[in-house]
PDB file of N, CA and C in Angstrom:
ATOM      1  N   ARG A   1       1.040  -1.034  -0.016  1.00  0.00           N
ATOM      2  CA  ARG A   1       0.051   0.142   0.017  1.00  0.00           C
ATOM      3  C   ARG A   1       0.622   1.462   0.098  1.00  0.00           C
ATOM      4  N   LEU A   2       1.972   1.069   0.223  1.00  0.00           N
ATOM      5  CA  LEU A   2       3.211   2.359   0.328  1.00  0.00           C
ATOM      6  C   LEU A   2       3.289   2.618  -1.200  1.00  0.00           C
ATOM      7  N   ALA A   3       3.174   1.377  -1.848  1.00  0.00           N
ATOM      8  CA  ALA A   3       3.822   1.676  -3.192  1.00  0.00           C
ATOM      9  C   ALA A   3       3.034   3.073  -4.095  1.00  0.00           C
ATOM     10  N   GLY A   4       1.472   3.141  -3.400  1.00  0.00           N
ATOM     11  CA  GLY A   4       1.188   4.353  -4.011  1.00  0.00           C
ATOM     12  C   GLY A   4       1.483   5.644  -3.853  1.00  0.00           C
ATOM     13  N   ALA A   5       2.128   5.510  -2.720  1.00  0.00           N
ATOM     14  CA  ALA A   5       2.371   7.359  -1.791  1.00  0.00           C
ATOM     15  C   ALA A   5       3.940   7.066  -2.035  1.00  0.00           C
ATOM     16  N   LEU A   6       5.029   6.249  -2.843  1.00  0.00           N
ATOM     17  CA  LEU A   6       6.142   6.611  -3.118  1.00  0.00           C
ATOM     18  C   LEU A   6       6.046   7.103  -4.409  1.00  0.00           C
ATOM     19  N   ARG A   7       5.217   6.550  -5.419  1.00  0.00           N
ATOM     20  CA  ARG A   7       4.836   6.663  -6.278  1.00  0.00           C
ATOM     21  C   ARG A   7       4.755   7.935  -6.681  1.00  0.00           C
ATOM     22  N   ALA A   8       3.836   8.050  -5.304  1.00  0.00           N
ATOM     23  CA  ALA A   8       4.084  10.611  -5.564  1.00  0.00           C
ATOM     24  C   ALA A   8       4.471  11.177  -5.536  1.00  0.00           C
ATOM     25  N   ILE A   9       5.468  10.000  -4.474  1.00  0.00           N
ATOM     26  CA  ILE A   9       6.107  11.361  -4.261  1.00  0.00           C
ATOM     27  C   ILE A   9       7.573  11.191  -5.624  1.00  0.00           C
ATOM     28  N   HIS A  10       7.972  10.072  -5.892  1.00  0.00           N
ATOM     29  CA  HIS A  10       9.334   9.897  -6.835  1.00  0.00           C
ATOM     30  C   HIS A  10       7.879  10.778  -8.331  1.00  0.00           C
ATOM     31  N   GLY A  11       7.436  10.854  -8.889  1.00  0.00           N
ATOM     32  CA  GLY A  11       7.021  11.283  -9.689  1.00  0.00           C
ATOM     33  C   GLY A  11       6.703  13.086  -9.876  1.00  0.00           C
ATOM     34  N   GLN A  12       5.929  13.347  -8.699  1.00  0.00           N
ATOM     35  CA  GLN A  12       6.322  14.871  -8.792  1.00  0.00           C
ATOM     36  C   GLN A  12       6.349  15.393  -7.035  1.00  0.00           C
ATOM     37  N   PRO A  13       8.177  15.143  -7.156  1.00  0.00           N
ATOM     38  CA  PRO A  13       8.764  15.790  -5.763  1.00  0.00           C
ATOM     39  C   PRO A  13       8.398  16.951  -5.794  1.00  0.00           C
ATOM     40  N   GLY A  14       8.219  17.812  -6.642  1.00  0.00           N
ATOM     41  CA  GLY A  14       7.119  19.440  -6.744  1.00  0.00           C
ATOM     42  C   GLY A  14       6.497  19.596  -5.529  1.00  0.00           C
ATOM     43  N   GLU A  15       5.399  19.211  -5.907  1.00  0.00           N
ATOM     44  CA  GLU A  15       3.925  18.880  -5.234  1.00  0.00           C
ATOM     45  C   GLU A  15       4.254  19.258  -3.593  1.00  0.00           C
ATOM     46  N   ASN A  16       2.743  20.316  -2.786  1.00  0.00           N
ATOM     47  CA  ASN A  16       2.766  20.934  -2.243  1.00  0.00           C
ATOM     48  C   ASN A  16       2.393  19.028  -1.167  1.00  0.00           C
ATOM     49  N   TRP A  17       3.521  18.650  -1.217  1.00  0.00           N
ATOM     50  CA  TRP A  17       3.008  17.441  -0.334  1.00  0.00           C
ATOM     51  C   TRP A  17       2.367  17.857   0.935  1.00  0.00           C
ATOM     52  N   SER A  18       1.755  16.959   1.905  1.00  0.00           N
ATOM     53  CA  SER A  18       1.369  16.609   3.394  1.00  0.00           C
ATOM     54  C   SER A  18       1.605  15.475   3.510  1.00  0.00           C
ATOM     55  N   LEU A  19       1.694  15.382   5.305  1.00  0.00           N
ATOM     56  CA  LEU A  19       1.253  13.766   5.352  1.00  0.00           C
ATOM     57  C   LEU A  19       0.364  12.877   5.501  1.00  0.00           C
ATOM     58  N   ASP A  20      -0.502  13.841   5.436  1.00  0.00           N
ATOM     59  CA  ASP A  20      -2.181  13.854   4.946  1.00  0.00           C
ATOM     60  C   ASP A  20      -2.238  13.334   3.835  1.00  0.00           C
ATOM     61  N   ALA A  21      -1.949  14.268   3.038  1.00  0.00           N
ATOM     62  CA  ALA A  21      -1.998  13.566   1.284  1.00  0.00           C
ATOM     63  C   ALA A  21      -1.499  12.654   1.327  1.00  0.00           C
ATOM     64  N   LEU A  22       0.031  12.072   1.463  1.00  0.00           N
ATOM     65  CA  LEU A  22       1.072  10.905   1.545  1.00  0.00           C
ATOM     66  C   LEU A  22       0.192   9.906   1.887  1.00  0.00           C
ATOM     67  N   ALA A  23      -0.257   9.919   2.889  1.00  0.00           N
ATOM     68  CA  ALA A  23      -1.352   8.609   3.196  1.00  0.00           C
ATOM     69  C   ALA A  23      -2.694   8.391   2.646  1.00  0.00           C
ATOM     70  N   GLY A  24      -3.414  10.264   2.166  1.00  0.00           N
ATOM     71  CA  GLY A  24      -4.353   9.346   1.344  1.00  0.00           C
ATOM     72  C   GLY A  24      -4.211   8.329  -0.047  1.00  0.00           C
ATOM     73  N   GLU A  25      -2.711   8.626  -0.540  1.00  0.00           N
ATOM     74  CA  GLU A  25      -2.061   8.234  -2.035  1.00  0.00           C
ATOM     75  C   GLU A  25      -1.990   6.064  -1.584  1.00  0.00           C
ATOM     76  N   ALA A  26      -1.438   5.903  -0.104  1.00  0.00           N
ATOM     77  CA  ALA A  26      -1.029   4.525   0.157  1.00  0.00           C
ATOM     78  C   ALA A  26      -3.022   4.576   0.658  1.00  0.00           C
ATOM     79  N   ALA A  27      -3.703   5.638   0.893  1.00  0.00           N
ATOM     80  CA  ALA A  27      -5.592   5.354   1.339  1.00  0.00           C
ATOM     81  C   ALA A  27      -4.872   4.333   2.575  1.00  0.00           C
ATOM     82  N   MET A  28      -4.404   5.231   3.672  1.00  0.00           N
ATOM     83  CA  MET A  28      -4.456   5.114   4.834  1.00  0.00           C
ATOM     84  C   MET A  28      -4.694   5.730   6.392  1.00  0.00           C
ATOM     85  N   SER A  29      -4.498   6.083   7.177  1.00  0.00           N
ATOM     86  CA  SER A  29      -4.598   6.344   7.733  1.00  0.00           C
ATOM     87  C   SER A  29      -3.243   7.240   8.170  1.00  0.00           C
ATOM     88  N   ARG A  30      -3.565   8.535   8.805  1.00  0.00           N
ATOM     89  CA  ARG A  30      -1.868   8.518   9.003  1.00  0.00           C
ATOM     90  C   ARG A  30      -1.214   8.195   9.816  1.00  0.00           C
ATOM     91  N   THR A  31      -1.969   8.389  11.076  1.00  0.00           N
ATOM     92  CA  THR A  31      -1.164   6.938  11.880  1.00  0.00           C
ATOM     93  C   THR A  31      -0.857   6.126  11.635  1.00  0.00           C
ATOM     94  N   ARG A  32      -1.121   5.320  10.362  1.00  0.00           N
ATOM     95  CA  ARG A  32      -0.999   3.763   9.833  1.00  0.00           C
ATOM     96  C   ARG A  32      -0.034   4.457   9.140  1.00  0.00           C
ATOM     97  N   PHE A  33      -0.015   5.128   8.480  1.00  0.00           N
ATOM     98  CA  PHE A  33       0.742   5.350   7.290  1.00  0.00           C
ATOM     99  C   PHE A  33       1.629   6.085   7.743  1.00  0.00           C
ATOM    100  N   ALA A  34       2.371   6.963   8.382  1.00  0.00           N
ATOM    101  CA  ALA A  34       3.441   6.838   9.565  1.00  0.00           C
ATOM    102  C   ALA A  34       4.277   5.814   9.900  1.00  0.00           C
ATOM    103  N   VAL A  35       3.060   5.216  10.687  1.00  0.00           N
ATOM    104  CA  VAL A  35       4.018   3.976  11.202  1.00  0.00           C
ATOM    105  C   VAL A  35       4.069   2.805  10.423  1.00  0.00           C
ATOM    106  N   ARG A  36       4.271   2.879   9.324  1.00  0.00           N
ATOM    107  CA  ARG A  36       3.889   1.836   8.165  1.00  0.00           C
ATOM    108  C   ARG A  36       5.194   2.356   7.249  1.00  0.00           C
ATOM    109  N   PHE A  37       5.144   3.585   7.258  1.00  0.00           N
ATOM    110  CA  PHE A  37       5.676   3.846   6.204  1.00  0.00           C
ATOM    111  C   PHE A  37       8.037   3.942   7.311  1.00  0.00           C
ATOM    112  N   ARG A  38       7.679   4.302   8.404  1.00  0.00           N
ATOM    113  CA  ARG A  38       8.373   3.680   8.766  1.00  0.00           C
ATOM    114  C   ARG A  38       9.421   3.038   8.980  1.00  0.00           C
ATOM    115  N   ASP A  39       8.455   1.980   9.503  1.00  0.00           N
ATOM    116  CA  ASP A  39       9.304   0.766   9.705  1.00  0.00           C
ATOM    117  C   ASP A  39       9.386  -0.488   8.132  1.00  0.00           C
ATOM    118  N   THR A  40       8.917  -0.099   7.298  1.00  0.00           N
ATOM    119  CA  THR A  40       9.212  -0.138   5.764  1.00  0.00           C
ATOM    120  C   THR A  40      10.329   0.449   5.356  1.00  0.00           C
ATOM    121  N   ILE A  41      10.606   1.592   5.603  1.00  0.00           N
ATOM    122  CA  ILE A  41      11.613   2.687   4.303  1.00  0.00           C
ATOM    123  C   ILE A  41      12.617   2.521   6.015  1.00  0.00           C
ATOM    124  N   GLY A  42      12.649   2.990   6.523  1.00  0.00           N
ATOM    125  CA  GLY A  42      13.595   3.604   7.879  1.00  0.00           C
ATOM    126  C   GLY A  42      14.141   4.436   8.335  1.00  0.00           C
ATOM    127  N   MET A  43      12.847   5.668   7.208  1.00  0.00           N
ATOM    128  CA  MET A  43      12.646   7.133   7.754  1.00  0.00           C
ATOM    129  C   MET A  43      10.957   7.808   8.206  1.00  0.00           C
ATOM    130  N   ALA A  44      11.151   8.624   8.496  1.00  0.00           N
ATOM    131  CA  ALA A  44       9.825   9.179   8.142  1.00  0.00           C
ATOM    132  C   ALA A  44       9.176   9.668   7.408  1.00  0.00           C
ATOM    133  N   PRO A  45       7.870   9.809   6.250  1.00  0.00           N
ATOM    134  CA  PRO A  45       7.476   9.695   5.143  1.00  0.00           C
ATOM    135  C   PRO A  45       7.953  11.289   4.301  1.00  0.00           C
ATOM    136  N   MET A  46       8.495  11.793   5.201  1.00  0.00           N
ATOM    137  CA  MET A  46       8.270  13.736   5.348  1.00  0.00           C
ATOM    138  C   MET A  46      10.297  14.114   5.107  1.00  0.00           C
ATOM    139  N   GLU A  47      10.756  12.934   5.550  1.00  0.00           N
ATOM    140  CA  GLU A  47      11.915  13.114   5.791  1.00  0.00           C
ATOM    141  C   GLU A  47      12.673  12.655   3.997  1.00  0.00           C
ATOM    142  N   TYR A  48      11.615  10.845   4.280  1.00  0.00           N
ATOM    143  CA  TYR A  48      12.053  10.778   2.338  1.00  0.00           C
ATOM    144  C   TYR A  48      11.953  11.480   1.766  1.00  0.00           C
ATOM    145  N   LEU A  49      10.607  12.331   1.909  1.00  0.00           N
ATOM    146  CA  LEU A  49      10.392  12.961   0.947  1.00  0.00           C
ATOM    147  C   LEU A  49      11.469  13.995   0.957  1.00  0.00           C
ATOM    148  N   THR A  50      12.237  14.703   2.077  1.00  0.00           N
ATOM    149  CA  THR A  50      12.876  15.458   1.755  1.00  0.00           C
ATOM    150  C   THR A  50      14.241  14.795   1.194  1.00  0.00           C
ATOM    151  N   LEU A  51      14.712  13.877   0.953  1.00  0.00           N
ATOM    152  CA  LEU A  51      15.533  13.433   0.702  1.00  0.00           C
ATOM    153  C   LEU A  51      15.970  13.057  -1.077  1.00  0.00           C
ATOM    154  N   TRP A  52      14.700  12.666  -0.808  1.00  0.00           N
ATOM    155  CA  TRP A  52      13.957  12.261  -2.679  1.00  0.00           C
ATOM    156  C   TRP A  52      14.109  13.520  -3.463  1.00  0.00           C
ATOM    157  N   ARG A  53      13.790  14.995  -2.896  1.00  0.00           N
ATOM    158  CA  ARG A  53      13.234  15.687  -3.879  1.00  0.00           C
ATOM    159  C   ARG A  53      14.865  16.361  -4.069  1.00  0.00           C
ATOM    160  N   MET A  54      15.693  15.884  -2.564  1.00  0.00           N
ATOM    161  CA  MET A  54      17.727  16.853  -2.276  1.00  0.00           C
ATOM    162  C   MET A  54      18.143  16.217  -3.323  1.00  0.00           C
ATOM    163  N   GLN A  55      17.258  14.710  -3.575  1.00  0.00           N
ATOM    164  CA  GLN A  55      18.549  14.058  -4.884  1.00  0.00           C
ATOM    165  C   GLN A  55      18.299  14.756  -5.777  1.00  0.00           C
ATOM    166  N   VAL A  56      16.269  14.746  -6.265  1.00  0.00           N
ATOM    167  CA  VAL A  56      15.951  14.863  -8.025  1.00  0.00           C
ATOM    168  C   VAL A  56      16.522  16.744  -7.593  1.00  0.00           C
ATOM    169  N   ALA A  57      16.896  17.636  -7.212  1.00  0.00           N
ATOM    170  CA  ALA A  57      18.143  18.233  -7.089  1.00  0.00           C
ATOM    171  C   ALA A  57      19.482  18.434  -7.240  1.00  0.00           C
ATOM    172  N   ARG A  58      20.133  17.544  -6.952  1.00  0.00           N
ATOM    173  CA  ARG A  58      21.899  17.424  -7.007  1.00  0.00           C
ATOM    174  C   ARG A  58      21.544  17.323  -8.753  1.00  0.00           C
ATOM    175  N   GLN A  59      20.559  15.749  -9.151  1.00  0.00           N
ATOM    176  CA  GLN A  59      20.543  15.584 -10.238  1.00  0.00           C
ATOM    177  C   GLN A  59      20.455  16.752 -11.635  1.00  0.00           C
ATOM    178  N   LEU A  60      19.672  18.015 -11.347  1.00  0.00           N
ATOM    179  CA  LEU A  60      19.408  19.025 -12.207  1.00  0.00           C
ATOM    180  C   LEU A  60      20.765  19.644 -12.788  1.00  0.00           C
ATOM    181  N   ILE A  61      20.692  19.992 -10.720  1.00  0.00           N
ATOM    182  CA  ILE A  61      22.026  21.308 -10.666  1.00  0.00           C
ATOM    183  C   ILE A  61      23.535  20.424 -11.503  1.00  0.00           C
ATOM    184  N   LEU A  62      23.230  18.837 -11.361  1.00  0.00           N
ATOM    185  CA  LEU A  62      24.830  18.168 -12.161  1.00  0.00           C
ATOM    186  C   LEU A  62      24.211  18.187 -13.681  1.00  0.00           C
ATOM    187  N   GLN A  63      22.997  17.754 -14.205  1.00  0.00           N
ATOM    188  CA  GLN A  63      22.847  17.723 -15.285  1.00  0.00           C
ATOM    189  C   GLN A  63      21.978  19.051 -15.998  1.00  0.00           C
ATOM    190  N   SER A  64      22.585  19.889 -15.832  1.00  0.00           N
ATOM    191  CA  SER A  64      21.202  21.229 -16.416  1.00  0.00           C
ATOM    192  C   SER A  64      22.330  21.946 -16.351  1.00  0.00           C
ATOM    193  N   ARG A  65      21.650  22.956 -16.927  1.00  0.00           N
ATOM    194  CA  ARG A  65      22.182  25.035 -16.431  1.00  0.00           C
ATOM    195  C   ARG A  65      21.208  25.545 -16.038  1.00  0.00           C
ATOM    196  N   LEU A  66      19.979  24.671 -15.554  1.00  0.00           N
ATOM    197  CA  LEU A  66      18.809  25.383 -14.801  1.00  0.00           C
ATOM    198  C   LEU A  66      19.310  26.759 -13.986  1.00  0.00           C
ATOM    199  N   PRO A  67      18.142  27.925 -13.900  1.00  0.00           N
ATOM    200  CA  PRO A  67      18.371  28.564 -12.811  1.00  0.00           C
ATOM    201  C   PRO A  67      18.644  27.744 -11.408  1.00  0.00           C
ATOM    202  N   MET A  68      19.239  28.109 -10.327  1.00  0.00           N
ATOM    203  CA  MET A  68      18.654  27.169  -9.390  1.00  0.00           C
ATOM    204  C   MET A  68      17.276  28.062  -8.250  1.00  0.00           C
ATOM    205  N   ILE A  69      16.856  28.850  -8.924  1.00  0.00           N
ATOM    206  CA  ILE A  69      15.179  29.017  -8.804  1.00  0.00           C
ATOM    207  C   ILE A  69      14.197  27.674  -9.149  1.00  0.00           C
ATOM    208  N   GLU A  70      14.384  27.578 -10.574  1.00  0.00           N
ATOM    209  CA  GLU A  70      13.786  26.445 -11.332  1.00  0.00           C
ATOM    210  C   GLU A  70      13.567  25.331 -10.513  1.00  0.00           C
ATOM    211  N   ILE A  71      14.963  25.172 -10.343  1.00  0.00           N
ATOM    212  CA  ILE A  71      15.770  23.907  -9.699  1.00  0.00           C
ATOM    213  C   ILE A  71      14.672  23.573  -8.441  1.00  0.00           C
ATOM    214  N   ALA A  72      14.700  24.508  -7.482  1.00  0.00           N
ATOM    215  CA  ALA A  72      14.267  24.753  -6.563  1.00  0.00           C
ATOM    216  C   ALA A  72      12.298  24.364  -6.481  1.00  0.00           C
ATOM    217  N   ASN A  73      12.124  25.430  -7.328  1.00  0.00           N
ATOM    218  CA  ASN A  73      10.391  25.339  -7.510  1.00  0.00           C
ATOM    219  C   ASN A  73      10.176  23.793  -8.386  1.00  0.00           C
ATOM    220  N   ARG A  74      11.105  23.257  -8.667  1.00  0.00           N
ATOM    221  CA  ARG A  74      10.810  21.931  -9.219  1.00  0.00           C
ATOM    222  C   ARG A  74      10.697  20.668  -8.259  1.00  0.00           C
ATOM    223  N   VAL A  75      11.610  20.581  -7.401  1.00  0.00           N
ATOM    224  CA  VAL A  75      11.549  20.477  -6.174  1.00  0.00           C
ATOM    225  C   VAL A  75      10.812  21.274  -5.170  1.00  0.00           C
ATOM    226  N   GLY A  76      10.042  21.714  -4.753  1.00  0.00           N
ATOM    227  CA  GLY A  76       8.614  22.042  -4.262  1.00  0.00           C
ATOM    228  C   GLY A  76       8.912  23.079  -3.252  1.00  0.00           C
ATOM    229  N   TYR A  77      10.107  24.245  -3.301  1.00  0.00           N
ATOM    230  CA  TYR A  77      10.056  25.142  -3.078  1.00  0.00           C
ATOM    231  C   TYR A  77      10.544  26.469  -2.819  1.00  0.00           C
ATOM    232  N   THR A  78       9.593  27.329  -2.855  1.00  0.00           N
ATOM    233  CA  THR A  78       9.096  28.631  -3.484  1.00  0.00           C
ATOM    234  C   THR A  78      10.074  29.672  -3.406  1.00  0.00           C
ATOM    235  N   SER A  79      10.959  29.258  -2.066  1.00  0.00           N
ATOM    236  CA  SER A  79      11.927  30.478  -2.391  1.00  0.00           C
ATOM    237  C   SER A  79      13.430  29.622  -2.939  1.00  0.00           C
ATOM    238  N   GLU A  80      14.523  30.320  -2.812  1.00  0.00           N
ATOM    239  CA  GLU A  80      15.365  29.693  -3.564  1.00  0.00           C
ATOM    240  C   GLU A  80      16.632  29.838  -1.282  1.00  0.00           C
ATOM    241  N   SER A  81      16.283  30.617  -0.783  1.00  0.00           N
ATOM    242  CA  SER A  81      16.750  30.741   0.543  1.00  0.00           C
ATOM    243  C   SER A  81      16.417  29.261   1.326  1.00  0.00           C
ATOM    244  N   ALA A  82      14.986  28.692   0.924  1.00  0.00           N
ATOM    245  CA  ALA A  82      14.843  28.199   1.774  1.00  0.00           C
ATOM    246  C   ALA A  82      15.147  26.307   1.243  1.00  0.00           C
ATOM    247  N   PHE A  83      15.402  26.434   0.324  1.00  0.00           N
ATOM    248  CA  PHE A  83      15.790  25.070  -1.296  1.00  0.00           C
ATOM    249  C   PHE A  83      17.549  25.007  -0.761  1.00  0.00           C
ATOM    250  N   SER A  84      18.092  26.167  -0.177  1.00  0.00           N
ATOM    251  CA  SER A  84      19.570  26.529   0.269  1.00  0.00           C
ATOM    252  C   SER A  84      19.720  25.610   0.678  1.00  0.00           C
ATOM    253  N   ARG A  85      18.951  26.472   2.174  1.00  0.00           N
ATOM    254  CA  ARG A  85      19.222  25.517   3.556  1.00  0.00           C
ATOM    255  C   ARG A  85      18.375  24.491   3.754  1.00  0.00           C
ATOM    256  N   ALA A  86      18.249  23.767   2.811  1.00  0.00           N
ATOM    257  CA  ALA A  86      17.548  21.932   2.645  1.00  0.00           C
ATOM    258  C   ALA A  86      18.753  21.418   2.335  1.00  0.00           C
ATOM    259  N   PHE A  87      19.196  21.882   0.839  1.00  0.00           N
ATOM    260  CA  PHE A  87      20.212  20.858   0.437  1.00  0.00           C
ATOM    261  C   PHE A  87      21.372  21.363   1.120  1.00  0.00           C
ATOM    262  N   HIS A  88      21.976  22.047   1.521  1.00  0.00           N
ATOM    263  CA  HIS A  88      23.008  22.379   2.395  1.00  0.00           C
ATOM    264  C   HIS A  88      23.191  20.790   3.371  1.00  0.00           C
ATOM    265  N   ARG A  89      21.874  21.508   4.510  1.00  0.00           N
ATOM    266  CA  ARG A  89      21.490  20.177   5.075  1.00  0.00           C
ATOM    267  C   ARG A  89      21.862  18.575   4.660  1.00  0.00           C
ATOM    268  N   GLN A  90      21.082  18.537   3.655  1.00  0.00           N
ATOM    269  CA  GLN A  90      21.113  17.049   3.523  1.00  0.00           C
ATOM    270  C   GLN A  90      22.684  16.622   2.629  1.00  0.00           C
ATOM    271  N   VAL A  91      23.071  17.108   2.251  1.00  0.00           N
ATOM    272  CA  VAL A  91      24.063  17.683   1.189  1.00  0.00           C
ATOM    273  C   VAL A  91      25.243  17.698   1.400  1.00  0.00           C
ATOM    274  N   GLY A  92      25.268  18.399   2.248  1.00  0.00           N
ATOM    275  CA  GLY A  92      26.605  18.692   3.270  1.00  0.00           C
ATOM    276  C   GLY A  92      27.294  20.260   2.425  1.00  0.00           C
ATOM    277  N   LYS A  93      26.375  20.974   1.180  1.00  0.00           N
ATOM    278  CA  LYS A  93      26.666  22.025   0.748  1.00  0.00           C
ATOM    279  C   LYS A  93      25.861  22.378  -0.276  1.00  0.00           C
ATOM    280  N   PRO A  94      26.165  24.090  -0.210  1.00  0.00           N
ATOM    281  CA  PRO A  94      24.928  24.680  -0.809  1.00  0.00           C
ATOM    282  C   PRO A  94      25.031  24.025  -2.276  1.00  0.00           C
ATOM    283  N   PRO A  95      23.958  24.474  -2.812  1.00  0.00           N
ATOM    284  CA  PRO A  95      24.008  23.651  -4.146  1.00  0.00           C
ATOM    285  C   PRO A  95      24.781  25.127  -4.796  1.00  0.00           C
ATOM    286  N   GLY A  96      24.970  25.820  -5.098  1.00  0.00           N
ATOM    287  CA  GLY A  96      25.619  27.053  -5.210  1.00  0.00           C
ATOM    288  C   GLY A  96      27.646  26.154  -5.236  1.00  0.00           C
ATOM    289  N   SER A  97      27.413  25.806  -4.838  1.00  0.00           N
ATOM    290  CA  SER A  97      28.406  25.103  -4.261  1.00  0.00           C
ATOM    291  C   SER A  97      28.980  24.003  -5.070  1.00  0.00           C
ATOM    292  N   LEU A  98      28.205  23.993  -5.174  1.00  0.00           N
ATOM    293  CA  LEU A  98      28.060  22.568  -6.347  1.00  0.00           C
ATOM    294  C   LEU A  98      27.981  22.323  -7.648  1.00  0.00           C
ATOM    295  N   ARG A  99      27.532  23.579  -7.907  1.00  0.00           N
ATOM    296  CA  ARG A  99      27.360  23.939  -8.934  1.00  0.00           C
ATOM    297  C   ARG A  99      28.735  24.475  -9.662  1.00  0.00           C
ATOM    298  N   ARG A 100      29.417  25.239  -9.039  1.00  0.00           N
ATOM    299  CA  ARG A 100      30.287  26.174  -9.406  1.00  0.00           C
ATOM    300  C   ARG A 100      31.893  24.637  -8.852  1.00  0.00           C
ATOM    301  N   GLU A 101      31.545  23.714  -8.280  1.00  0.00           N
ATOM    302  CA  GLU A 101      32.701  22.858  -8.205  1.00  0.00           C
ATOM    303  C   GLU A 101      32.934  22.029  -9.980  1.00  0.00           C
ATOM    304  N   LEU A 102      31.405  21.665 -10.268  1.00  0.00           N
ATOM    305  CA  LEU A 102      31.080  20.913 -11.470  1.00  0.00           C
ATOM    306  C   LEU A 102      31.605  21.581 -12.637  1.00  0.00           C
ATOM    307  N   GLN A 103      31.236  23.335 -12.826  1.00  0.00           N
ATOM    308  CA  GLN A 103      32.031  23.724 -13.711  1.00  0.00           C
ATOM    309  C   GLN A 103      33.684  24.206 -13.397  1.00  0.00           C
ATOM    310  N   ARG A 104      34.138  24.541 -12.246  1.00  0.00           N
ATOM    311  CA  ARG A 104      35.678  24.007 -12.473  1.00  0.00           C
ATOM    312  C   ARG A 104      35.688  23.007 -12.596  1.00  0.00           C
ATOM    313  N   ARG A 105      35.249  21.838 -12.136  1.00  0.00           N
ATOM    314  CA  ARG A 105      36.221  20.493 -12.978  1.00  0.00           C
ATOM    315  C   ARG A 105      35.896  20.054 -14.212  1.00  0.00           C
ATOM    316  N   SER A 106      34.386  21.214 -14.862  1.00  0.00           N
ATOM    317  CA  SER A 106      34.609  20.214 -16.694  1.00  0.00           C
ATOM    318  C   SER A 106      35.910  21.961 -17.745  1.00  0.00           C
ATOM    319  N   LEU A 107      36.158  22.749 -16.420  1.00  0.00           N
ATOM    320  CA  LEU A 107      36.984  23.738 -17.065  1.00  0.00           C
ATOM    321  C   LEU A 107      39.013  22.730 -16.967  1.00  0.00           C
ATOM    322  N   ALA A 108      38.828  22.654 -16.697  1.00  0.00           N
ATOM    323  CA  ALA A 108      40.584  21.434 -15.833  1.00  0.00           C
ATOM    324  C   ALA A 108      40.542  21.121 -16.943  1.00  0.00           C
TER     325      ALA A 108
END
């Protein structure tokens, strides 16, 4: 039953997902969904959503020349600064820093 929620997260990472909405995708109550998700996946649903969004963002940074605000929007952030903080927490460096490293490597 978690497959519906995982398909939603993976297919639409920029959607404004809430625990209620994801539980609805799994056709489960919020509590049952949260417990089953944590037991099966090993982390809370919203934690997984953030992790997935940052993986998608990292790929977009590495494989495109999209402006950072566009990448932020595609992964569910309306503010570039909020996206940058979340990315830094998850990846260990700001998104702009990752892009600059990539550019330096391609010039070398």
